[in-house]
Amino acid sequence: MAGYVLAMVLNVFAPHLFATVLMRRYMPGTATAVLLNLPLGWLYLRQILMEHRIELRVFFWAGPLAVLAILALILVLLALGRRVTSTSA
C-alpha cells in the first residue's frame, strides 16, 4: 500500500504538474492530484512511518520497486490496448 501511495504522490509531479508547466495549459487531473493525492498521500506515508507500520529502510527499496512495477504494468496495458484496438478495427 505504501508503494502505491508513493506512486500516487509522485504522479502529482509527473505527469500532471510537469505537463501543466511545460505545455502552459491545464493538464486534466492536476487539481485533483494537487488537492487530494499530494496532501492525503503525504499524510498517509508520514503516519505509517511515524507509527512504525513499515520500516524506513524497507520503504526505501520497496517503495521505488512498487512505483516501477506500476509503471511497467501501465506500459504493458497500454501496449495491449493498442494491439487489441488495431486488430479489431
PDB file of N, CA and C in Angstrom:
ATOM      1  N   MET A   1       0.823  -1.192   0.000  1.00  0.00           N
ATOM      2  CA  MET A   1       0.000   0.000   0.000  1.00  0.00           C
ATOM      3  C   MET A   1       0.870   1.259   0.000  1.00  0.00           C
ATOM      4  N   ALA A   2       1.941   1.243   0.783  1.00  0.00           N
ATOM      5  CA  ALA A   2       2.819   2.412   0.851  1.00  0.00           C
ATOM      6  C   ALA A   2       3.456   2.689  -0.505  1.00  0.00           C
ATOM      7  N   GLY A   3       3.815   1.645  -1.234  1.00  0.00           N
ATOM      8  CA  GLY A   3       4.388   1.825  -2.564  1.00  0.00           C
ATOM      9  C   GLY A   3       3.391   2.440  -3.527  1.00  0.00           C
ATOM     10  N   TYR A   4       2.144   1.995  -3.453  1.00  0.00           N
ATOM     11  CA  TYR A   4       1.096   2.558  -4.294  1.00  0.00           C
ATOM     12  C   TYR A   4       0.877   4.034  -3.960  1.00  0.00           C
ATOM     13  N   VAL A   5       0.827   4.357  -2.686  1.00  0.00           N
ATOM     14  CA  VAL A   5       0.637   5.754  -2.271  1.00  0.00           C
ATOM     15  C   VAL A   5       1.819   6.602  -2.734  1.00  0.00           C
ATOM     16  N   LEU A   6       3.024   6.066  -2.637  1.00  0.00           N
ATOM     17  CA  LEU A   6       4.192   6.783  -3.147  1.00  0.00           C
ATOM     18  C   LEU A   6       4.032   7.057  -4.642  1.00  0.00           C
ATOM     19  N   ALA A   7       3.553   6.072  -5.385  1.00  0.00           N
ATOM     20  CA  ALA A   7       3.330   6.264  -6.820  1.00  0.00           C
ATOM     21  C   ALA A   7       2.324   7.376  -7.074  1.00  0.00           C
ATOM     22  N   MET A   8       1.256   7.439  -6.276  1.00  0.00           N
ATOM     23  CA  MET A   8       0.242   8.477  -6.460  1.00  0.00           C
ATOM     24  C   MET A   8       0.785   9.858  -6.103  1.00  0.00           C
ATOM     25  N   VAL A   9       1.639   9.929  -5.091  1.00  0.00           N
ATOM     26  CA  VAL A   9       2.260  11.205  -4.728  1.00  0.00           C
ATOM     27  C   VAL A   9       3.198  11.658  -5.848  1.00  0.00           C
ATOM     28  N   LEU A  10       3.997  10.757  -6.359  1.00  0.00           N
ATOM     29  CA  LEU A  10       4.910  11.105  -7.462  1.00  0.00           C
ATOM     30  C   LEU A  10       4.134  11.457  -8.729  1.00  0.00           C
ATOM     31  N   ASN A  11       2.979  10.843  -8.908  1.00  0.00           N
ATOM     32  CA  ASN A  11       2.134  11.112 -10.072  1.00  0.00           C
ATOM     33  C   ASN A  11       1.625  12.554 -10.083  1.00  0.00           C
ATOM     34  N   VAL A  12       1.603  13.204  -8.941  1.00  0.00           N
ATOM     35  CA  VAL A  12       1.227  14.619  -8.893  1.00  0.00           C
ATOM     36  C   VAL A  12       2.210  15.426  -9.745  1.00  0.00           C
ATOM     37  N   PHE A  13       3.483  15.097  -9.620  1.00  0.00           N
ATOM     38  CA  PHE A  13       4.528  15.850 -10.318  1.00  0.00           C
ATOM     39  C   PHE A  13       4.706  15.384 -11.751  1.00  0.00           C
ATOM     40  N   ALA A  14       4.775  14.109 -11.962  1.00  0.00           N
ATOM     41  CA  ALA A  14       4.939  13.554 -13.313  1.00  0.00           C
ATOM     42  C   ALA A  14       3.782  12.610 -13.565  1.00  0.00           C
ATOM     43  N   PRO A  15       2.904  12.931 -14.418  1.00  0.00           N
ATOM     44  CA  PRO A  15       2.946  13.938 -15.466  1.00  0.00           C
ATOM     45  C   PRO A  15       2.193  15.238 -15.168  1.00  0.00           C
ATOM     46  N   HIS A  16       1.344  15.285 -14.156  1.00  0.00           N
ATOM     47  CA  HIS A  16       0.400  16.386 -14.031  1.00  0.00           C
ATOM     48  C   HIS A  16       1.040  17.771 -13.945  1.00  0.00           C
ATOM     49  N   LEU A  17       1.833  18.044 -12.938  1.00  0.00           N
ATOM     50  CA  LEU A  17       2.410  19.384 -12.804  1.00  0.00           C
ATOM     51  C   LEU A  17       3.426  19.689 -13.900  1.00  0.00           C
ATOM     52  N   PHE A  18       4.274  18.707 -14.231  1.00  0.00           N
ATOM     53  CA  PHE A  18       5.268  18.937 -15.287  1.00  0.00           C
ATOM     54  C   PHE A  18       4.583  19.270 -16.608  1.00  0.00           C
ATOM     55  N   ALA A  19       3.550  18.527 -16.965  1.00  0.00           N
ATOM     56  CA  ALA A  19       2.846  18.782 -18.224  1.00  0.00           C
ATOM     57  C   ALA A  19       2.145  20.133 -18.194  1.00  0.00           C
ATOM     58  N   THR A  20       1.552  20.490 -17.077  1.00  0.00           N
ATOM     59  CA  THR A  20       0.882  21.787 -16.960  1.00  0.00           C
ATOM     60  C   THR A  20       1.881  22.924 -17.161  1.00  0.00           C
ATOM     61  N   VAL A  21       3.047  22.801 -16.545  1.00  0.00           N
ATOM     62  CA  VAL A  21       4.063  23.855 -16.676  1.00  0.00           C
ATOM     63  C   VAL A  21       4.651  23.881 -18.088  1.00  0.00           C
ATOM     64  N   LEU A  22       5.029  22.717 -18.608  1.00  0.00           N
ATOM     65  CA  LEU A  22       5.661  22.674 -19.928  1.00  0.00           C
ATOM     66  C   LEU A  22       4.720  23.084 -21.056  1.00  0.00           C
ATOM     67  N   MET A  23       3.458  22.672 -20.963  1.00  0.00           N
ATOM     68  CA  MET A  23       2.503  22.983 -22.027  1.00  0.00           C
ATOM     69  C   MET A  23       1.842  24.345 -21.831  1.00  0.00           C
ATOM     70  N   ARG A  24       2.059  24.937 -20.655  1.00  0.00           N
ATOM     71  CA  ARG A  24       1.478  26.233 -20.303  1.00  0.00           C
ATOM     72  C   ARG A  24      -0.043  26.245 -20.412  1.00  0.00           C
ATOM     73  N   ARG A  25      -0.625  25.089 -20.086  1.00  0.00           N
ATOM     74  CA  ARG A  25      -2.080  24.984 -20.009  1.00  0.00           C
ATOM     75  C   ARG A  25      -2.421  23.866 -19.036  1.00  0.00           C
ATOM     76  N   TYR A  26      -3.644  23.883 -18.583  1.00  0.00           N
ATOM     77  CA  TYR A  26      -4.078  22.925 -17.568  1.00  0.00           C
ATOM     78  C   TYR A  26      -4.075  21.496 -18.109  1.00  0.00           C
ATOM     79  N   MET A  27      -3.434  20.609 -17.379  1.00  0.00           N
ATOM     80  CA  MET A  27      -3.448  19.181 -17.696  1.00  0.00           C
ATOM     81  C   MET A  27      -4.562  18.546 -16.871  1.00  0.00           C
ATOM     82  N   PRO A  28      -5.506  17.845 -17.511  1.00  0.00           N
ATOM     83  CA  PRO A  28      -6.603  17.237 -16.754  1.00  0.00           C
ATOM     84  C   PRO A  28      -6.084  16.373 -15.598  1.00  0.00           C
ATOM     85  N   GLY A  29      -6.703  16.526 -14.455  1.00  0.00           N
ATOM     86  CA  GLY A  29      -6.323  15.763 -13.273  1.00  0.00           C
ATOM     87  C   GLY A  29      -5.379  16.494 -12.336  1.00  0.00           C
ATOM     88  N   THR A  30      -4.843  17.632 -12.767  1.00  0.00           N
ATOM     89  CA  THR A  30      -3.872  18.354 -11.945  1.00  0.00           C
ATOM     90  C   THR A  30      -4.489  18.848 -10.640  1.00  0.00           C
ATOM     91  N   ALA A  31      -5.678  19.397 -10.707  1.00  0.00           N
ATOM     92  CA  ALA A  31      -6.320  19.916  -9.488  1.00  0.00           C
ATOM     93  C   ALA A  31      -6.564  18.787  -8.493  1.00  0.00           C
ATOM     94  N   THR A  32      -7.083  17.671  -8.964  1.00  0.00           N
ATOM     95  CA  THR A  32      -7.320  16.525  -8.089  1.00  0.00           C
ATOM     96  C   THR A  32      -6.008  16.021  -7.498  1.00  0.00           C
ATOM     97  N   ALA A  33      -4.990  15.953  -8.328  1.00  0.00           N
ATOM     98  CA  ALA A  33      -3.685  15.469  -7.866  1.00  0.00           C
ATOM     99  C   ALA A  33      -3.125  16.370  -6.772  1.00  0.00           C
ATOM    100  N   VAL A  34      -3.182  17.675  -6.996  1.00  0.00           N
ATOM    101  CA  VAL A  34      -2.604  18.619  -6.038  1.00  0.00           C
ATOM    102  C   VAL A  34      -3.458  18.731  -4.767  1.00  0.00           C
ATOM    103  N   LEU A  35      -4.772  18.756  -4.928  1.00  0.00           N
ATOM    104  CA  LEU A  35      -5.659  18.977  -3.779  1.00  0.00           C
ATOM    105  C   LEU A  35      -5.948  17.711  -2.971  1.00  0.00           C
ATOM    106  N   LEU A  36      -5.860  16.534  -3.590  1.00  0.00           N
ATOM    107  CA  LEU A  36      -6.179  15.292  -2.880  1.00  0.00           C
ATOM    108  C   LEU A  36      -4.981  14.344  -2.760  1.00  0.00           C
ATOM    109  N   ASN A  37      -4.424  13.954  -3.896  1.00  0.00           N
ATOM    110  CA  ASN A  37      -3.354  12.943  -3.871  1.00  0.00           C
ATOM    111  C   ASN A  37      -2.132  13.387  -3.077  1.00  0.00           C
ATOM    112  N   LEU A  38      -1.700  14.605  -3.294  1.00  0.00           N
ATOM    113  CA  LEU A  38      -0.490  15.077  -2.622  1.00  0.00           C
ATOM    114  C   LEU A  38      -0.660  15.181  -1.099  1.00  0.00           C
ATOM    115  N   PRO A  39      -1.647  15.930  -0.597  1.00  0.00           N
ATOM    116  CA  PRO A  39      -1.728  16.033   0.865  1.00  0.00           C
ATOM    117  C   PRO A  39      -2.136  14.732   1.550  1.00  0.00           C
ATOM    118  N   LEU A  40      -3.094  14.007   0.982  1.00  0.00           N
ATOM    119  CA  LEU A  40      -3.527  12.766   1.626  1.00  0.00           C
ATOM    120  C   LEU A  40      -2.454  11.685   1.543  1.00  0.00           C
ATOM    121  N   GLY A  41      -1.768  11.620   0.400  1.00  0.00           N
ATOM    122  CA  GLY A  41      -0.675  10.659   0.265  1.00  0.00           C
ATOM    123  C   GLY A  41       0.461  10.966   1.219  1.00  0.00           C
ATOM    124  N   TRP A  42       0.797  12.239   1.324  1.00  0.00           N
ATOM    125  CA  TRP A  42       1.869  12.659   2.233  1.00  0.00           C
ATOM    126  C   TRP A  42       1.500  12.330   3.681  1.00  0.00           C
ATOM    127  N   LEU A  43       0.260  12.617   4.058  1.00  0.00           N
ATOM    128  CA  LEU A  43      -0.188  12.313   5.421  1.00  0.00           C
ATOM    129  C   LEU A  43      -0.140  10.811   5.705  1.00  0.00           C
ATOM    130  N   TYR A  44      -0.579  10.008   4.738  1.00  0.00           N
ATOM    131  CA  TYR A  44      -0.568   8.558   4.912  1.00  0.00           C
ATOM    132  C   TYR A  44       0.859   8.052   5.104  1.00  0.00           C
ATOM    133  N   LEU A  45       1.748   8.463   4.223  1.00  0.00           N
ATOM    134  CA  LEU A  45       3.141   7.996   4.309  1.00  0.00           C
ATOM    135  C   LEU A  45       3.790   8.442   5.615  1.00  0.00           C
ATOM    136  N   ARG A  46       3.558   9.678   5.982  1.00  0.00           N
ATOM    137  CA  ARG A  46       4.126  10.176   7.235  1.00  0.00           C
ATOM    138  C   ARG A  46       3.595   9.393   8.434  1.00  0.00           C
ATOM    139  N   GLN A  47       2.300   9.121   8.423  1.00  0.00           N
ATOM    140  CA  GLN A  47       1.680   8.419   9.551  1.00  0.00           C
ATOM    141  C   GLN A  47       2.191   6.983   9.683  1.00  0.00           C
ATOM    142  N   ILE A  48       2.273   6.251   8.573  1.00  0.00           N
ATOM    143  CA  ILE A  48       2.725   4.857   8.689  1.00  0.00           C
ATOM    144  C   ILE A  48       4.196   4.778   9.087  1.00  0.00           C
ATOM    145  N   LEU A  49       4.969   5.769   8.682  1.00  0.00           N
ATOM    146  CA  LEU A  49       6.377   5.778   9.094  1.00  0.00           C
ATOM    147  C   LEU A  49       6.507   6.177  10.564  1.00  0.00           C
ATOM    148  N   MET A  50       5.721   7.141  11.012  1.00  0.00           N
ATOM    149  CA  MET A  50       5.775   7.551  12.416  1.00  0.00           C
ATOM    150  C   MET A  50       5.281   6.446  13.351  1.00  0.00           C
ATOM    151  N   GLU A  51       4.287   5.681  12.893  1.00  0.00           N
ATOM    152  CA  GLU A  51       3.735   4.599  13.711  1.00  0.00           C
ATOM    153  C   GLU A  51       4.527   3.297  13.553  1.00  0.00           C
ATOM    154  N   HIS A  52       5.591   3.347  12.779  1.00  0.00           N
ATOM    155  CA  HIS A  52       6.448   2.179  12.529  1.00  0.00           C
ATOM    156  C   HIS A  52       5.672   1.004  11.935  1.00  0.00           C
ATOM    157  N   ARG A  53       4.683   1.308  11.105  1.00  0.00           N
ATOM    158  CA  ARG A  53       3.945   0.250  10.412  1.00  0.00           C
ATOM    159  C   ARG A  53       4.767  -0.320   9.266  1.00  0.00           C
ATOM    160  N   ILE A  54       5.759   0.449   8.843  1.00  0.00           N
ATOM    161  CA  ILE A  54       6.717  -0.004   7.840  1.00  0.00           C
ATOM    162  C   ILE A  54       8.071   0.588   8.233  1.00  0.00           C
ATOM    163  N   GLU A  55       9.112  -0.182   8.032  1.00  0.00           N
ATOM    164  CA  GLU A  55      10.448   0.305   8.369  1.00  0.00           C
ATOM    165  C   GLU A  55      10.952   1.200   7.243  1.00  0.00           C
ATOM    166  N   LEU A  56      11.620   2.269   7.628  1.00  0.00           N
ATOM    167  CA  LEU A  56      12.124   3.223   6.653  1.00  0.00           C
ATOM    168  C   LEU A  56      13.079   2.567   5.671  1.00  0.00           C
ATOM    169  N   ARG A  57      13.954   1.684   6.150  1.00  0.00           N
ATOM    170  CA  ARG A  57      14.914   1.036   5.241  1.00  0.00           C
ATOM    171  C   ARG A  57      14.206   0.106   4.262  1.00  0.00           C
ATOM    172  N   VAL A  58      13.102  -0.490   4.665  1.00  0.00           N
ATOM    173  CA  VAL A  58      12.320  -1.323   3.750  1.00  0.00           C
ATOM    174  C   VAL A  58      11.595  -0.440   2.744  1.00  0.00           C
ATOM    175  N   PHE A  59      11.047   0.668   3.222  1.00  0.00           N
ATOM    176  CA  PHE A  59      10.335   1.584   2.331  1.00  0.00           C
ATOM    177  C   PHE A  59      11.255   2.162   1.260  1.00  0.00           C
ATOM    178  N   PHE A  60      12.522   2.379   1.592  1.00  0.00           N
ATOM    179  CA  PHE A  60      13.473   2.943   0.629  1.00  0.00           C
ATOM    180  C   PHE A  60      13.688   2.049  -0.584  1.00  0.00           C
ATOM    181  N   TRP A  61      13.570   0.731  -0.421  1.00  0.00           N
ATOM    182  CA  TRP A  61      13.718  -0.128  -1.601  1.00  0.00           C
ATOM    183  C   TRP A  61      12.368  -0.619  -2.114  1.00  0.00           C
ATOM    184  N   ALA A  62      11.422  -0.872  -1.211  1.00  0.00           N
ATOM    185  CA  ALA A  62      10.127  -1.414  -1.638  1.00  0.00           C
ATOM    186  C   ALA A  62       9.255  -0.343  -2.299  1.00  0.00           C
ATOM    187  N   GLY A  63       9.315   0.895  -1.828  1.00  0.00           N
ATOM    188  CA  GLY A  63       8.531   1.976  -2.416  1.00  0.00           C
ATOM    189  C   GLY A  63       8.870   2.206  -3.877  1.00  0.00           C
ATOM    190  N   PRO A  64      10.151   2.470  -4.194  1.00  0.00           N
ATOM    191  CA  PRO A  64      10.505   2.650  -5.597  1.00  0.00           C
ATOM    192  C   PRO A  64      10.258   1.399  -6.452  1.00  0.00           C
ATOM    193  N   LEU A  65      10.419   0.231  -5.865  1.00  0.00           N
ATOM    194  CA  LEU A  65      10.142  -1.004  -6.608  1.00  0.00           C
ATOM    195  C   LEU A  65       8.662  -1.087  -6.980  1.00  0.00           C
ATOM    196  N   ALA A  66       7.787  -0.729  -6.055  1.00  0.00           N
ATOM    197  CA  ALA A  66       6.351  -0.717  -6.340  1.00  0.00           C
ATOM    198  C   ALA A  66       6.019   0.315  -7.416  1.00  0.00           C
ATOM    199  N   VAL A  67       6.642   1.477  -7.347  1.00  0.00           N
ATOM    200  CA  VAL A  67       6.411   2.519  -8.358  1.00  0.00           C
ATOM    201  C   VAL A  67       6.837   2.018  -9.737  1.00  0.00           C
ATOM    202  N   LEU A  68       7.998   1.399  -9.834  1.00  0.00           N
ATOM    203  CA  LEU A  68       8.472   0.861 -11.114  1.00  0.00           C
ATOM    204  C   LEU A  68       7.571  -0.259 -11.625  1.00  0.00           C
ATOM    205  N   ALA A  69       7.088  -1.098 -10.733  1.00  0.00           N
ATOM    206  CA  ALA A  69       6.182  -2.182 -11.136  1.00  0.00           C
ATOM    207  C   ALA A  69       4.874  -1.618 -11.688  1.00  0.00           C
ATOM    208  N   ILE A  70       4.333  -0.600 -11.028  1.00  0.00           N
ATOM    209  CA  ILE A  70       3.102   0.040 -11.509  1.00  0.00           C
ATOM    210  C   ILE A  70       3.331   0.682 -12.870  1.00  0.00           C
ATOM    211  N   LEU A  71       4.446   1.368 -13.030  1.00  0.00           N
ATOM    212  CA  LEU A  71       4.775   1.985 -14.316  1.00  0.00           C
ATOM    213  C   LEU A  71       4.908   0.933 -15.411  1.00  0.00           C
ATOM    214  N   ALA A  72       5.581  -0.173 -15.113  1.00  0.00           N
ATOM    215  CA  ALA A  72       5.735  -1.247 -16.093  1.00  0.00           C
ATOM    216  C   ALA A  72       4.369  -1.829 -16.477  1.00  0.00           C
ATOM    217  N   LEU A  73       3.500  -2.029 -15.501  1.00  0.00           N
ATOM    218  CA  LEU A  73       2.166  -2.560 -15.792  1.00  0.00           C
ATOM    219  C   LEU A  73       1.350  -1.593 -16.645  1.00  0.00           C
ATOM    220  N   ILE A  74       1.477  -0.308 -16.385  1.00  0.00           N
ATOM    221  CA  ILE A  74       0.770   0.676 -17.211  1.00  0.00           C
ATOM    222  C   ILE A  74       1.244   0.587 -18.660  1.00  0.00           C
ATOM    223  N   LEU A  75       2.554   0.491 -18.857  1.00  0.00           N
ATOM    224  CA  LEU A  75       3.088   0.399 -20.216  1.00  0.00           C
ATOM    225  C   LEU A  75       2.633  -0.878 -20.915  1.00  0.00           C
ATOM    226  N   VAL A  76       2.607  -1.985 -20.198  1.00  0.00           N
ATOM    227  CA  VAL A  76       2.134  -3.258 -20.765  1.00  0.00           C
ATOM    228  C   VAL A  76       0.658  -3.152 -21.144  1.00  0.00           C
ATOM    229  N   LEU A  77      -0.142  -2.575 -20.266  1.00  0.00           N
ATOM    230  CA  LEU A  77      -1.570  -2.444 -20.551  1.00  0.00           C
ATOM    231  C   LEU A  77      -1.841  -1.493 -21.716  1.00  0.00           C
ATOM    232  N   LEU A  78      -1.071  -0.428 -21.836  1.00  0.00           N
ATOM    233  CA  LEU A  78      -1.224   0.471 -22.989  1.00  0.00           C
ATOM    234  C   LEU A  78      -0.867  -0.254 -24.288  1.00  0.00           C
ATOM    235  N   ALA A  79       0.203  -1.020 -24.264  1.00  0.00           N
ATOM    236  CA  ALA A  79       0.598  -1.783 -25.453  1.00  0.00           C
ATOM    237  C   ALA A  79      -0.466  -2.825 -25.805  1.00  0.00           C
ATOM    238  N   LEU A  80      -0.999  -3.486 -24.810  1.00  0.00           N
ATOM    239  CA  LEU A  80      -2.057  -4.470 -25.035  1.00  0.00           C
ATOM    240  C   LEU A  80      -3.296  -3.797 -25.608  1.00  0.00           C
ATOM    241  N   GLY A  81      -3.627  -2.636 -25.085  1.00  0.00           N
ATOM    242  CA  GLY A  81      -4.772  -1.889 -25.603  1.00  0.00           C
ATOM    243  C   GLY A  81      -4.581  -1.491 -27.055  1.00  0.00           C
ATOM    244  N   ARG A  82      -3.370  -1.060 -27.415  1.00  0.00           N
ATOM    245  CA  ARG A  82      -3.089  -0.719 -28.820  1.00  0.00           C
ATOM    246  C   ARG A  82      -3.243  -1.938 -29.707  1.00  0.00           C
ATOM    247  N   ARG A  83      -2.748  -3.070 -29.236  1.00  0.00           N
ATOM    248  CA  ARG A  83      -2.823  -4.292 -30.019  1.00  0.00           C
ATOM    249  C   ARG A  83      -4.268  -4.723 -30.206  1.00  0.00           C
ATOM    250  N   VAL A  84      -5.058  -4.650 -29.164  1.00  0.00           N
ATOM    251  CA  VAL A  84      -6.469  -5.058 -29.257  1.00  0.00           C
ATOM    252  C   VAL A  84      -7.240  -4.143 -30.183  1.00  0.00           C
ATOM    253  N   THR A  85      -7.026  -2.840 -30.067  1.00  0.00           N
ATOM    254  CA  THR A  85      -7.776  -1.908 -30.896  1.00  0.00           C
ATOM    255  C   THR A  85      -7.326  -1.943 -32.357  1.00  0.00           C
ATOM    256  N   SER A  86      -6.066  -2.240 -32.623  1.00  0.00           N
ATOM    257  CA  SER A  86      -5.610  -2.281 -34.013  1.00  0.00           C
ATOM    258  C   SER A  86      -6.061  -3.557 -34.715  1.00  0.00           C
ATOM    259  N   THR A  87      -6.252  -4.661 -34.007  1.00  0.00           N
ATOM    260  CA  THR A  87      -6.690  -5.905 -34.644  1.00  0.00           C
ATOM    261  C   THR A  87      -8.195  -5.975 -34.779  1.00  0.00           C
ATOM    262  N   SER A  88      -8.934  -5.218 -33.975  1.00  0.00           N
ATOM    263  CA  SER A  88     -10.399  -5.264 -34.048  1.00  0.00           C
ATOM    264  C   SER A  88     -10.969  -4.260 -35.035  1.00  0.00           C
ATOM    265  N   ALA A  89     -10.145  -3.344 -35.515  1.00  0.00           N
ATOM    266  CA  ALA A  89     -10.647  -2.299 -36.423  1.00  0.00           C
ATOM    267  C   ALA A  89     -10.719  -2.745 -37.841  1.00  0.00           C
TER     268      ALA A  89
END
